[in-house]
Protein backbone atom coordinates (compact mmCIF):
# COMPACT_ATOMS: atom_id res chain seq x y z
CA MET A 1 -202.79 29.30 21.12
CA LYS A 2 -203.60 33.00 20.68
CA ASN A 3 -202.41 33.76 24.19
CA LYS A 4 -199.20 31.81 23.66
CA LYS A 5 -198.57 33.65 20.42
CA ALA A 6 -199.05 37.02 22.14
CA ILE A 7 -196.58 36.12 24.91
CA ILE A 8 -194.00 34.89 22.41
CA VAL A 9 -194.36 37.97 20.18
CA LEU A 10 -194.07 40.26 23.21
CA THR A 11 -190.97 38.39 24.43
CA LEU A 12 -189.35 38.62 20.99
CA LEU A 13 -190.16 42.34 20.80
CA ILE A 14 -188.46 42.87 24.15
CA ILE A 15 -185.38 41.02 22.90
CA ALA A 16 -185.40 43.07 19.68
CA SER A 17 -185.67 46.30 21.66
CA LEU A 18 -182.63 45.26 23.69
CA PHE A 19 -180.71 44.94 20.42
CA PHE A 20 -181.68 48.49 19.49
CA ILE A 21 -181.03 49.94 22.93
CA GLY A 22 -177.67 48.21 23.08
CA ALA A 23 -175.13 48.75 25.80
CA GLU A 24 -173.89 52.20 24.88
CA TRP A 25 -174.62 53.31 28.44
CA ALA A 26 -172.48 50.55 29.98
CA GLY A 27 -168.78 50.51 30.66
CA LYS A 28 -166.29 49.50 28.00
CA THR A 29 -166.09 45.83 29.05
CA ALA A 30 -169.86 45.38 29.34
CA HIS A 31 -170.32 47.13 26.00
CA ARG A 32 -167.84 44.79 24.31
CA LEU A 33 -169.40 41.69 25.90
CA PHE A 34 -172.89 42.80 24.88
CA HIS A 35 -171.90 43.34 21.26
CA SER A 36 -169.86 40.15 21.14
CA TYR A 37 -172.20 37.73 22.87
CA PHE A 38 -175.76 39.00 23.43
CA ALA A 39 -176.94 37.84 20.01
CA ASP A 40 -175.40 34.40 20.62
CA ILE A 41 -177.80 33.94 23.53
CA ALA A 42 -180.79 35.85 22.18
CA ILE A 43 -180.97 34.27 18.72
CA PRO A 44 -181.28 30.64 19.89
CA PHE A 45 -183.70 31.80 22.59
CA GLY A 46 -185.87 33.41 19.93
CA TYR A 47 -185.61 30.47 17.53
CA TYR A 48 -186.77 28.12 20.28
CA LEU A 49 -189.79 30.31 21.02
CA LEU A 50 -190.66 30.41 17.33
CA LEU A 51 -190.68 26.62 17.29
CA VAL A 52 -193.11 26.68 20.23
CA LEU A 53 -195.56 28.32 17.82
CA LEU A 54 -195.25 25.30 15.52
CA GLU A 55 -196.06 22.70 18.19
CA GLU A 56 -199.71 22.31 17.23
CA LYS A 57 -199.05 21.90 13.52
CA TYR A 58 -195.89 19.76 13.73
CA LYS A 59 -196.22 17.21 16.53
CA PRO A 60 -192.48 16.39 16.90
CA PHE A 61 -191.94 19.98 18.10
CA LYS A 62 -194.18 19.32 21.12
CA LYS A 63 -191.16 17.77 22.81
CA TRP A 64 -188.85 20.39 24.29
CA PHE A 65 -185.70 18.43 23.57
CA ILE A 66 -186.56 18.23 19.85
CA LYS A 67 -186.93 22.01 19.71
CA ALA A 68 -183.75 22.51 21.74
CA GLY A 69 -181.76 20.06 19.62
CA ALA A 70 -182.95 21.59 16.35
CA VAL A 71 -182.10 25.13 17.43
CA PHE A 72 -178.69 24.24 18.85
CA THR A 73 -177.85 22.21 15.73
CA LEU A 74 -178.80 25.09 13.44
CA CYS A 75 -176.74 27.61 15.41
CA ALA A 76 -173.77 25.25 15.77
CA LEU A 77 -173.86 24.50 12.06
CA SER A 78 -173.77 28.22 11.33
CA GLU A 79 -170.76 28.65 13.62
CA THR A 80 -168.97 25.66 12.11
CA LEU A 81 -169.52 27.07 8.62
CA GLN A 82 -167.89 30.32 9.76
CA TYR A 83 -164.78 28.33 10.63
CA PHE A 84 -164.63 27.21 6.99
CA ASP A 85 -165.24 30.77 5.70
CA TYR A 86 -168.90 30.23 4.83
CA TYR A 87 -170.92 32.90 6.53
CA ALA A 88 -174.51 32.35 7.61
CA LEU A 89 -175.50 34.26 10.78
CA ALA A 90 -172.21 36.04 11.43
CA SER A 91 -168.76 36.44 9.97
CA VAL A 92 -166.31 35.69 12.79
CA PHE A 93 -165.69 32.21 14.15
CA ASP A 94 -165.58 32.08 17.96
CA PRO A 95 -165.61 28.71 19.73
CA MET A 96 -167.18 30.40 22.77
CA ASP A 97 -170.32 30.88 20.68
CA TYR A 98 -171.15 27.17 21.02
CA VAL A 99 -171.38 27.61 24.79
CA LEU A 100 -173.50 30.73 24.42
CA TYR A 101 -175.84 29.00 21.97
CA ALA A 102 -176.34 26.26 24.55
CA ILE A 103 -177.02 28.87 27.24
CA GLY A 104 -179.57 30.57 24.99
CA VAL A 105 -181.34 27.30 24.28
CA LEU A 106 -181.33 26.28 27.95
CA LEU A 107 -182.74 29.66 28.97
CA ALA A 108 -185.52 29.23 26.41
CA VAL A 109 -186.28 25.73 27.70
CA PHE A 110 -186.41 27.14 31.24
CA ALA A 111 -188.77 29.92 30.11
CA ASP A 112 -190.99 27.49 28.20
CA ARG A 113 -191.09 24.55 30.60
CA ILE A 114 -190.95 26.32 33.98
CA LEU A 115 -191.31 30.10 33.94
CA PHE A 116 -194.18 30.54 31.48
CA LYS A 117 -196.01 27.50 32.90
CA ARG A 118 -195.98 29.11 36.34
CA MET A 119 -196.91 32.55 35.05
CA PHE A 120 -199.69 31.61 32.63
CA ASP A 121 -202.45 29.05 33.20
CA PHE A 122 -202.87 28.45 29.46
CA TRP A 123 -199.20 27.51 28.93
CA ASP A 124 -198.84 23.76 28.59
């Protein structure tokens, strides 16, 4: 579990550094897309990886679809609350965010179930 924790922390630090670096260097359109949508992919990705750390302690989280469903539900609930002027993670309702949350979760599932398994012998 120590190795898994190190990989997850490193991955989350890389994501956090991308937030800080931003897209100031990119063109106007890429800059706008980054600031509008990067977090909508990165946050569910990170939440999913955090739930991977809880797999040993909470057995239901061993199943990838439980983690994916929980993360997507949390993010979708936050977005839905924004529609009704209750702000949780952000302050602007955008229906496109639902799609981006799903992309973020699916990328995390891909990283967990396929990519990390192939890269690291200890990943199960």
